[in-house]
Structures are given as structure tokens and as C-alpha cells.
Amino acid sequence: MKVGVLTVALYDRNRKDAMEYLKNLGVEAVEIGCGGHPGDIHCKPSVLLNDDAELQKFKNDVFGNGLQISALSCHGNPVHPNKEVAEKFHREFIDTILLAEKLGVDTVVGFSGCPGDCPESRFPNWVTCPWPGEFLSVLHYQWNEVLIPYWKKTAEFAKKHGVNKICLEMHPGFCVYNPETLLKLRAAVGDVIGANFDPSHLMWQGIDPVEAIKVLGDAIYFVHGKDVRLDKANIAKNGVLDTKPYSDIMNRAWAFRTLGYGHDSKVWKDIISMLRIVGYDGVISIEHEDSLMTSQEGLSKAVAFLKDVLIKDEVTDTWWA
């Protein structure tokens, strides 16, 4: 396994400086944001796809520092009911696929997205319960008329351009938010769809990440290193669904934290071990979203923590047995 970083956390540094900083920190691979909600501060596909000189500069900045590109990411909502919003996110995702092809990268990370409740909707509608019955009608529309057709078409496009791993982050607010919904979409679309396994989003929902890894197995195509702290007192009063600002840590049910500040090393060692058991031996890409730490402090602490819990060497035999 390798230590990686989603580079959008270094939004205040230019690409060259960001890559040098990460290399000196001991990072081995980078996941580079190409659009969607996190933005494209270090990589603008619309430019790089049309300017060979700029593409070469990009390669020099990344590969010149000895870094591997683990994935390109574009976290948006390409099935948004507002057609203009959907088209923007879709175009960015398509450009990300085309750039991945040029770079020889076969892995793209994103969200499944969430449609509205009907063709005339203006905003997404995330369904979380089966009653009243109209919610099930909404789900039927979202999955069968929007989500599955969209991803079937996009998956075929991706495969034609050398991207055989579309890694969807299981994120509440979108149709794919847990192992069950990830596997449902994968069954409908094909194995080009896999999971970007981010334990933090599962933990706050009450999902055991080790059990989730067992369920997903070889459908795990990419992994984010991000922690979350659960506030048991606030959860006891109001549950885990929380719309308060992320900065209101004192009153929230949960808050994203740097690795090791939400769960101790034993929890993460169990996660890493189960990933190894199911056959994942790729990059753990640190995503920094800790409101209490700067990107620099959060990343440096996360890298040091991850180095301690990762399993690096390949096991060739159980010599003691």
C-alpha cells in the first residue's frame, strides 16, 4: 500500500510547490482534483486537453517529483435536476476521463449524484425513508429513469477511453451512500463501477467500516484516508443527521478529523488489515477536511499516522505454519 493525498487541500499553493511539498512530506501518490465541488486548482482538463505545452508542464510538476498519479477526481452531481448544473458537472467529468486517458490513468473518482423527484424538479431530493409511499416512487424514478441510464452511458464512454475504474464515493446526499446502494448501481451498470471507500462517511452513519469492506470486497477500487469524530452526547440528543455548519464542532453530532483524531490506530489498523484481506493493495489517499487544523498541519499529521498503520510488504508465505 502507498501513502497518497488528494491535492485540493493545498489550494493555497501552486501546483509545482504543492507537489514538491508533498514529496518532501513522504507522499508517494497524488489524487488530483479536476473539477466538481472541490475545484480544479492544480489541474484544468479543459486547458490540458488542448495545450500540449501546458500538459507537459503538468507532467513535469507531478512526475518530476517522483510522484505517481493514483487517480483523477471530479466530485460533482452530473444528474442534478437543473439541466445547466448537470451539464457543467457532466462536462467536467467527461473532460476528466479524457485527461485520464492522455495520462494513462485508469481510475477516476466522483459521486453518483442525486436527481430530483421528477423531470420538473429544481433541486436534488435525497430519500432516506420508505414512508409515506411517494418516497418509493421518487426512488424508482431516480434510479430507473435517471441514475442507471446516465451511468450506463458514462461507463461505456469511460471504458472506450481507457478508464475502467469509476470510483464512486459513498456519500449521504447522493443516491449511492452506503455499500448496498453502491453494489446496486454496480449490478445494474457493470464492474466499471466500484467504490471509493471513504470510512468517514460510513462511520458517522453507524456503519462498521471493517464489515463494509467485507461486503464490498473486490468492488473497492480506491480508498480515502479521512477520519471523523462522533460526539456521543450530541448524537444521544439528536441522532447523526446534522445540518449545522461544519465549523460548529461543539454542537454537531460528528465532525471530520485528521487521521487519528477521530479513531485510534487500532481502528485504522483493522481497516487496513481488512483491505489487505480482500485484496486491496493500492493507495490510501488522505483527504483533509479538519476544521481544527490547517492543511499543512493536518496533512503532516495524517501522513505520519498513515505510515505507521499501513502494511507495505507483500507476504509470500506463512513461514511459521
Protein backbone atom coordinates (compact mmCIF):
# COMPACT_ATOMS: atom_id res chain seq x y z
CA MET A 1 0.00 0.00 0.00
CA LYS A 2 1.09 3.58 -0.61
CA VAL A 3 0.55 6.93 1.09
CA GLY A 4 -1.37 9.35 -1.11
CA VAL A 5 -3.04 12.75 -0.85
CA LEU A 6 -5.99 14.44 -2.54
CA THR A 7 -4.20 17.62 -3.54
CA VAL A 8 -7.13 20.06 -3.34
CA ALA A 9 -6.29 20.60 0.34
CA LEU A 10 -3.27 22.59 -0.87
CA TYR A 11 -5.48 25.12 -2.66
CA ASP A 12 -3.23 27.96 -1.46
CA ARG A 13 -0.15 26.64 -3.27
CA ASN A 14 0.54 26.46 -6.97
CA ARG A 15 0.88 23.00 -8.50
CA LYS A 16 4.67 22.89 -8.59
CA ASP A 17 5.03 23.99 -4.96
CA ALA A 18 2.25 21.62 -3.85
CA MET A 19 3.92 18.62 -5.49
CA GLU A 20 7.32 19.47 -4.02
CA TYR A 21 5.77 19.89 -0.58
CA LEU A 22 4.02 16.51 -0.77
CA LYS A 23 7.13 14.72 -2.00
CA ASN A 24 9.15 16.16 0.89
CA LEU A 25 6.40 15.05 3.27
CA GLY A 26 6.92 11.45 2.17
CA VAL A 27 3.82 11.15 -0.03
CA GLU A 28 4.09 8.60 -2.83
CA ALA A 29 0.97 9.25 -4.92
CA VAL A 30 -1.43 12.10 -5.66
CA GLU A 31 -5.13 12.20 -6.43
CA ILE A 32 -5.67 15.37 -8.40
CA GLY A 33 -8.91 17.31 -8.42
CA CYS A 34 -10.17 18.13 -11.92
CA GLY A 35 -13.48 19.83 -11.18
CA GLY A 36 -16.75 19.38 -9.37
CA HIS A 37 -17.22 20.71 -5.86
CA PRO A 38 -13.51 20.56 -4.81
CA GLY A 39 -12.47 22.52 -7.88
CA ASP A 40 -9.54 22.28 -10.30
CA ILE A 41 -6.87 24.45 -8.68
CA HIS A 42 -4.00 22.16 -9.74
CA CYS A 43 -5.43 20.68 -12.91
CA LYS A 44 -7.71 22.23 -15.51
CA PRO A 45 -8.62 19.49 -18.01
CA SER A 46 -10.17 21.95 -20.48
CA VAL A 47 -6.73 23.58 -20.77
CA LEU A 48 -4.52 20.50 -20.62
CA LEU A 49 -6.58 18.67 -23.25
CA ASN A 50 -5.96 21.45 -25.76
CA ASP A 51 -2.44 22.66 -24.96
CA ASP A 52 0.42 20.18 -25.24
CA ALA A 53 2.90 22.60 -23.67
CA GLU A 54 0.72 23.03 -20.58
CA LEU A 55 0.19 19.27 -20.40
CA GLN A 56 3.96 18.76 -20.41
CA LYS A 57 4.34 21.31 -17.59
CA PHE A 58 1.73 19.37 -15.62
CA LYS A 59 3.63 16.12 -16.14
CA ASN A 60 6.90 17.74 -15.14
CA ASP A 61 5.42 19.12 -11.93
CA VAL A 62 3.99 15.74 -10.90
CA PHE A 63 6.29 13.09 -12.32
CA GLY A 64 9.36 15.29 -11.95
CA ASN A 65 8.90 14.98 -8.21
CA GLY A 66 8.73 11.20 -8.42
CA LEU A 67 5.02 11.12 -7.63
CA GLN A 68 2.51 8.66 -9.03
CA ILE A 69 -0.96 9.78 -10.09
CA SER A 70 -3.27 7.40 -8.24
CA ALA A 71 -6.49 8.89 -9.62
CA LEU A 72 -8.12 11.95 -11.09
CA SER A 73 -11.16 13.12 -9.17
CA CYS A 74 -14.24 15.10 -10.13
CA HIS A 75 -16.82 15.17 -7.35
CA GLY A 76 -20.00 16.68 -8.75
CA ASN A 77 -23.66 15.91 -9.38
CA PRO A 78 -23.98 15.05 -13.09
CA VAL A 79 -27.64 14.05 -12.64
CA HIS A 80 -28.69 17.29 -10.97
CA PRO A 81 -32.29 18.19 -11.92
CA ASN A 82 -31.17 21.66 -13.01
CA LYS A 83 -30.01 20.89 -16.54
CA GLU A 84 -27.41 23.65 -16.63
CA VAL A 85 -25.86 22.47 -13.37
CA ALA A 86 -25.96 18.84 -14.50
CA GLU A 87 -24.33 19.68 -17.84
CA LYS A 88 -21.48 21.55 -16.12
CA PHE A 89 -20.74 18.62 -13.80
CA HIS A 90 -21.11 16.13 -16.66
CA ARG A 91 -18.75 18.06 -18.93
CA GLU A 92 -16.16 18.26 -16.17
CA PHE A 93 -16.43 14.51 -15.56
CA ILE A 94 -16.08 13.72 -19.26
CA ASP A 95 -13.05 16.00 -19.56
CA THR A 96 -11.56 14.25 -16.52
CA ILE A 97 -11.95 10.90 -18.28
CA LEU A 98 -10.33 12.26 -21.44
CA LEU A 99 -7.42 13.68 -19.46
CA ALA A 100 -7.02 10.39 -17.61
CA GLU A 101 -6.71 8.70 -21.00
CA LYS A 102 -3.94 11.09 -22.04
CA LEU A 103 -2.09 10.48 -18.78
CA GLY A 104 -2.50 6.71 -18.81
CA VAL A 105 -4.58 6.80 -15.61
CA ASP A 106 -7.38 4.22 -15.40
CA THR A 107 -9.06 5.48 -12.21
CA VAL A 108 -11.49 8.38 -11.81
CA VAL A 109 -13.19 9.26 -8.52
CA GLY A 110 -16.53 11.02 -8.07
CA PHE A 111 -20.07 10.95 -6.70
CA SER A 112 -23.08 9.08 -8.05
CA GLY A 113 -25.13 12.26 -7.92
CA CYS A 114 -28.75 12.71 -6.90
CA PRO A 115 -31.66 13.68 -9.21
CA GLY A 116 -34.82 15.50 -8.22
CA ASP A 117 -38.16 13.77 -7.66
CA CYS A 118 -39.47 14.31 -11.21
CA PRO A 119 -38.37 15.83 -14.53
CA GLU A 120 -39.62 19.28 -13.46
CA SER A 121 -37.60 19.40 -10.21
CA ARG A 122 -35.22 22.24 -9.44
CA PHE A 123 -33.23 20.66 -6.60
CA PRO A 124 -31.95 17.17 -5.70
CA ASN A 125 -34.15 15.04 -3.44
CA TRP A 126 -32.29 12.57 -1.22
CA VAL A 127 -34.72 9.90 0.00
CA THR A 128 -33.99 8.39 3.43
CA CYS A 129 -37.17 6.52 4.36
CA PRO A 130 -39.83 4.34 2.64
CA TRP A 131 -42.94 6.04 4.02
CA PRO A 132 -45.08 7.84 3.01
CA GLY A 133 -45.19 5.72 -0.11
CA GLU A 134 -44.44 8.52 -2.56
CA PHE A 135 -40.81 8.36 -1.45
CA LEU A 136 -40.54 4.91 -3.04
CA SER A 137 -41.97 6.37 -6.24
CA VAL A 138 -39.26 9.02 -6.12
CA LEU A 139 -36.58 6.34 -5.72
CA HIS A 140 -37.99 4.37 -8.65
CA TYR A 141 -37.83 7.47 -10.85
CA GLN A 142 -34.34 8.43 -9.70
CA TRP A 143 -32.77 5.02 -10.18
CA ASN A 144 -34.57 3.65 -13.22
CA GLU A 145 -35.16 6.77 -15.27
CA VAL A 146 -32.10 8.87 -14.40
CA LEU A 147 -29.26 7.30 -12.43
CA ILE A 148 -28.84 3.91 -14.10
CA PRO A 149 -29.25 5.23 -17.69
CA TYR A 150 -26.76 8.02 -17.00
CA TRP A 151 -24.08 5.77 -15.56
CA LYS A 152 -24.55 3.08 -18.21
CA LYS A 153 -23.81 5.65 -20.90
CA THR A 154 -20.96 7.28 -18.99
CA ALA A 155 -19.40 3.92 -18.10
CA GLU A 156 -19.32 2.90 -21.74
CA PHE A 157 -17.65 6.18 -22.64
CA ALA A 158 -15.10 5.70 -19.86
CA LYS A 159 -14.18 2.17 -20.99
CA LYS A 160 -13.70 3.34 -24.57
CA HIS A 161 -11.16 5.86 -23.26
CA GLY A 162 -9.15 3.56 -21.02
CA VAL A 163 -10.84 4.33 -17.71
CA ASN A 164 -12.03 1.02 -16.27
CA LYS A 165 -12.47 2.15 -12.68
CA ILE A 166 -15.13 4.75 -11.88
CA CYS A 167 -14.84 5.00 -8.11
CA LEU A 168 -17.99 6.39 -6.54
CA GLU A 169 -17.67 7.83 -3.05
CA MET A 170 -20.49 6.60 -0.83
CA HIS A 171 -21.70 9.98 0.42
CA PRO A 172 -25.01 10.87 2.09
CA GLY A 173 -26.98 13.32 -0.01
CA PHE A 174 -26.40 11.22 -3.12
CA CYS A 175 -28.11 8.04 -4.33
CA VAL A 176 -25.01 5.96 -3.61
CA TYR A 177 -24.25 6.47 0.08
CA ASN A 178 -23.56 3.00 1.54
CA PRO A 179 -22.35 -0.45 0.39
CA GLU A 180 -25.86 -1.61 -0.51
CA THR A 181 -26.53 1.29 -2.89
CA LEU A 182 -23.03 1.08 -4.38
CA LEU A 183 -23.49 -2.59 -5.17
CA LYS A 184 -26.99 -1.92 -6.53
CA LEU A 185 -25.64 0.54 -9.10
CA ARG A 186 -22.68 -1.73 -9.89
CA ALA A 187 -25.05 -4.65 -10.56
CA ALA A 188 -27.11 -2.50 -12.93
CA VAL A 189 -24.23 -0.84 -14.79
CA GLY A 190 -21.30 -3.27 -14.65
CA ASP A 191 -17.98 -3.67 -12.92
CA VAL A 192 -16.54 -0.43 -14.28
CA ILE A 193 -18.42 0.99 -11.27
CA GLY A 194 -16.64 0.45 -7.96
CA ALA A 195 -16.29 2.09 -4.57
CA ASN A 196 -14.13 4.93 -3.44
CA PHE A 197 -14.03 3.65 0.13
CA ASP A 198 -14.08 6.67 2.48
CA PRO A 199 -14.55 5.29 6.02
CA SER A 200 -15.52 8.66 7.49
CA HIS A 201 -18.87 8.88 5.70
CA LEU A 202 -19.72 5.34 6.71
CA MET A 203 -18.67 5.73 10.34
CA TRP A 204 -20.98 8.64 11.07
CA GLN A 205 -23.90 6.73 9.57
CA GLY A 206 -23.28 3.94 12.09
CA ILE A 207 -21.65 1.55 9.61
CA ASP A 208 -18.73 -0.60 10.77
CA PRO A 209 -16.01 0.06 8.15
CA VAL A 210 -14.48 -3.40 8.55
CA GLU A 211 -17.82 -5.09 7.88
CA ALA A 212 -18.39 -2.74 4.94
CA ILE A 213 -15.04 -3.78 3.45
CA LYS A 214 -16.06 -7.44 3.76
CA VAL A 215 -19.31 -6.74 1.91
CA LEU A 216 -17.71 -4.70 -0.86
CA GLY A 217 -14.66 -6.92 -1.39
CA ASP A 218 -13.15 -6.53 -4.84
CA ALA A 219 -15.60 -3.74 -5.65
CA ILE A 220 -13.27 -1.42 -3.70
CA TYR A 221 -11.25 0.41 -6.34
CA PHE A 222 -9.90 3.34 -4.32
CA VAL A 223 -9.61 4.39 -0.68
CA HIS A 224 -9.70 7.76 1.07
CA GLY A 225 -7.92 8.31 4.35
CA LYS A 226 -10.27 10.54 6.31
CA ASP A 227 -11.39 10.31 9.91
CA VAL A 228 -14.47 11.50 11.78
CA ARG A 229 -15.13 12.14 15.45
CA LEU A 230 -18.55 11.14 16.76
CA ASP A 231 -19.93 13.26 19.59
CA LYS A 232 -21.85 10.73 21.64
CA ALA A 233 -23.65 13.35 23.74
CA ASN A 234 -24.97 15.24 20.72
CA ILE A 235 -25.89 12.01 18.95
CA ALA A 236 -27.79 10.84 22.02
CA LYS A 237 -29.89 14.01 21.86
CA ASN A 238 -30.42 14.47 18.12
CA GLY A 239 -29.08 11.50 16.16
CA VAL A 240 -26.49 11.55 13.40
CA LEU A 241 -28.31 13.57 10.72
CA ASP A 242 -26.99 17.09 11.16
CA THR A 243 -27.36 20.25 9.08
CA LYS A 244 -25.37 22.58 11.33
CA PRO A 245 -22.26 24.16 9.76
CA TYR A 246 -19.12 22.02 9.80
CA SER A 247 -17.44 24.77 11.80
CA ASP A 248 -19.92 24.33 14.69
CA ILE A 249 -17.96 21.41 16.10
CA MET A 250 -19.15 21.91 19.67
CA ASN A 251 -22.79 21.27 18.74
CA ARG A 252 -22.53 18.91 15.78
CA ALA A 253 -23.18 15.17 16.03
CA TRP A 254 -19.94 14.50 14.19
CA ALA A 255 -17.01 16.32 12.63
CA PHE A 256 -14.38 15.35 10.07
CA ARG A 257 -10.96 14.99 11.66
CA THR A 258 -7.40 14.30 10.64
CA LEU A 259 -6.42 10.63 10.76
CA GLY A 260 -6.02 9.51 14.36
CA TYR A 261 -8.10 12.34 15.83
CA GLY A 262 -11.43 10.60 15.35
CA HIS A 263 -10.48 6.96 15.84
CA ASP A 264 -7.31 5.49 17.26
CA SER A 265 -4.68 3.46 15.45
CA LYS A 266 -6.32 0.13 16.39
CA VAL A 267 -9.43 1.06 14.37
CA TRP A 268 -7.33 2.09 11.39
CA LYS A 269 -5.09 -0.96 11.64
CA ASP A 270 -8.23 -3.11 11.47
CA ILE A 271 -9.39 -1.18 8.39
CA ILE A 272 -6.01 -1.52 6.66
CA SER A 273 -5.79 -5.21 7.54
CA MET A 274 -9.24 -5.98 6.13
CA LEU A 275 -8.41 -4.06 2.96
CA ARG A 276 -5.38 -6.32 2.58
CA ILE A 277 -7.51 -9.42 3.25
CA VAL A 278 -9.98 -8.57 0.45
CA GLY A 279 -7.12 -7.86 -1.95
CA TYR A 280 -6.79 -4.07 -1.94
CA ASP A 281 -3.14 -3.10 -2.11
CA GLY A 282 -3.37 0.36 -3.63
CA VAL A 283 -3.13 3.95 -2.44
CA ILE A 284 -4.72 5.35 0.70
CA SER A 285 -5.43 8.92 -0.41
CA ILE A 286 -5.59 11.36 2.50
CA GLU A 287 -8.45 13.85 2.26
CA HIS A 288 -8.03 16.76 4.64
CA GLU A 289 -11.27 18.35 5.87
CA ASP A 290 -10.44 19.02 9.53
CA SER A 291 -11.84 22.36 10.73
CA LEU A 292 -9.41 22.48 13.64
CA MET A 293 -6.18 22.18 11.63
CA THR A 294 -4.57 23.91 8.70
CA SER A 295 -4.00 21.80 5.63
CA GLN A 296 -0.28 21.72 6.32
CA GLU A 297 -0.62 20.54 9.92
CA GLY A 298 -3.42 18.13 9.11
CA LEU A 299 -1.59 16.56 6.18
CA SER A 300 1.70 16.20 8.03
CA LYS A 301 0.00 14.51 10.99
CA ALA A 302 -2.08 12.28 8.70
CA VAL A 303 0.94 11.18 6.66
CA ALA A 304 2.87 10.27 9.82
CA PHE A 305 -0.13 8.38 11.23
CA LEU A 306 -0.78 6.52 7.99
CA LYS A 307 2.84 5.46 7.58
CA ASP A 308 2.60 3.75 10.96
CA VAL A 309 -0.57 1.75 10.20
CA LEU A 310 -0.03 0.85 6.53
CA ILE A 311 1.01 -2.65 5.51
CA LYS A 312 3.70 -2.24 2.87
CA ASP A 313 5.44 -5.53 2.16
CA GLU A 314 3.93 -8.37 0.18
CA VAL A 315 3.53 -11.61 2.11
CA THR A 316 4.88 -14.57 0.16
CA ASP A 317 4.35 -17.36 2.68
CA THR A 318 3.18 -18.14 6.19
CA TRP A 319 6.61 -19.44 7.16
CA TRP A 320 5.63 -20.21 10.78
CA ALA A 321 2.92 -22.61 9.63
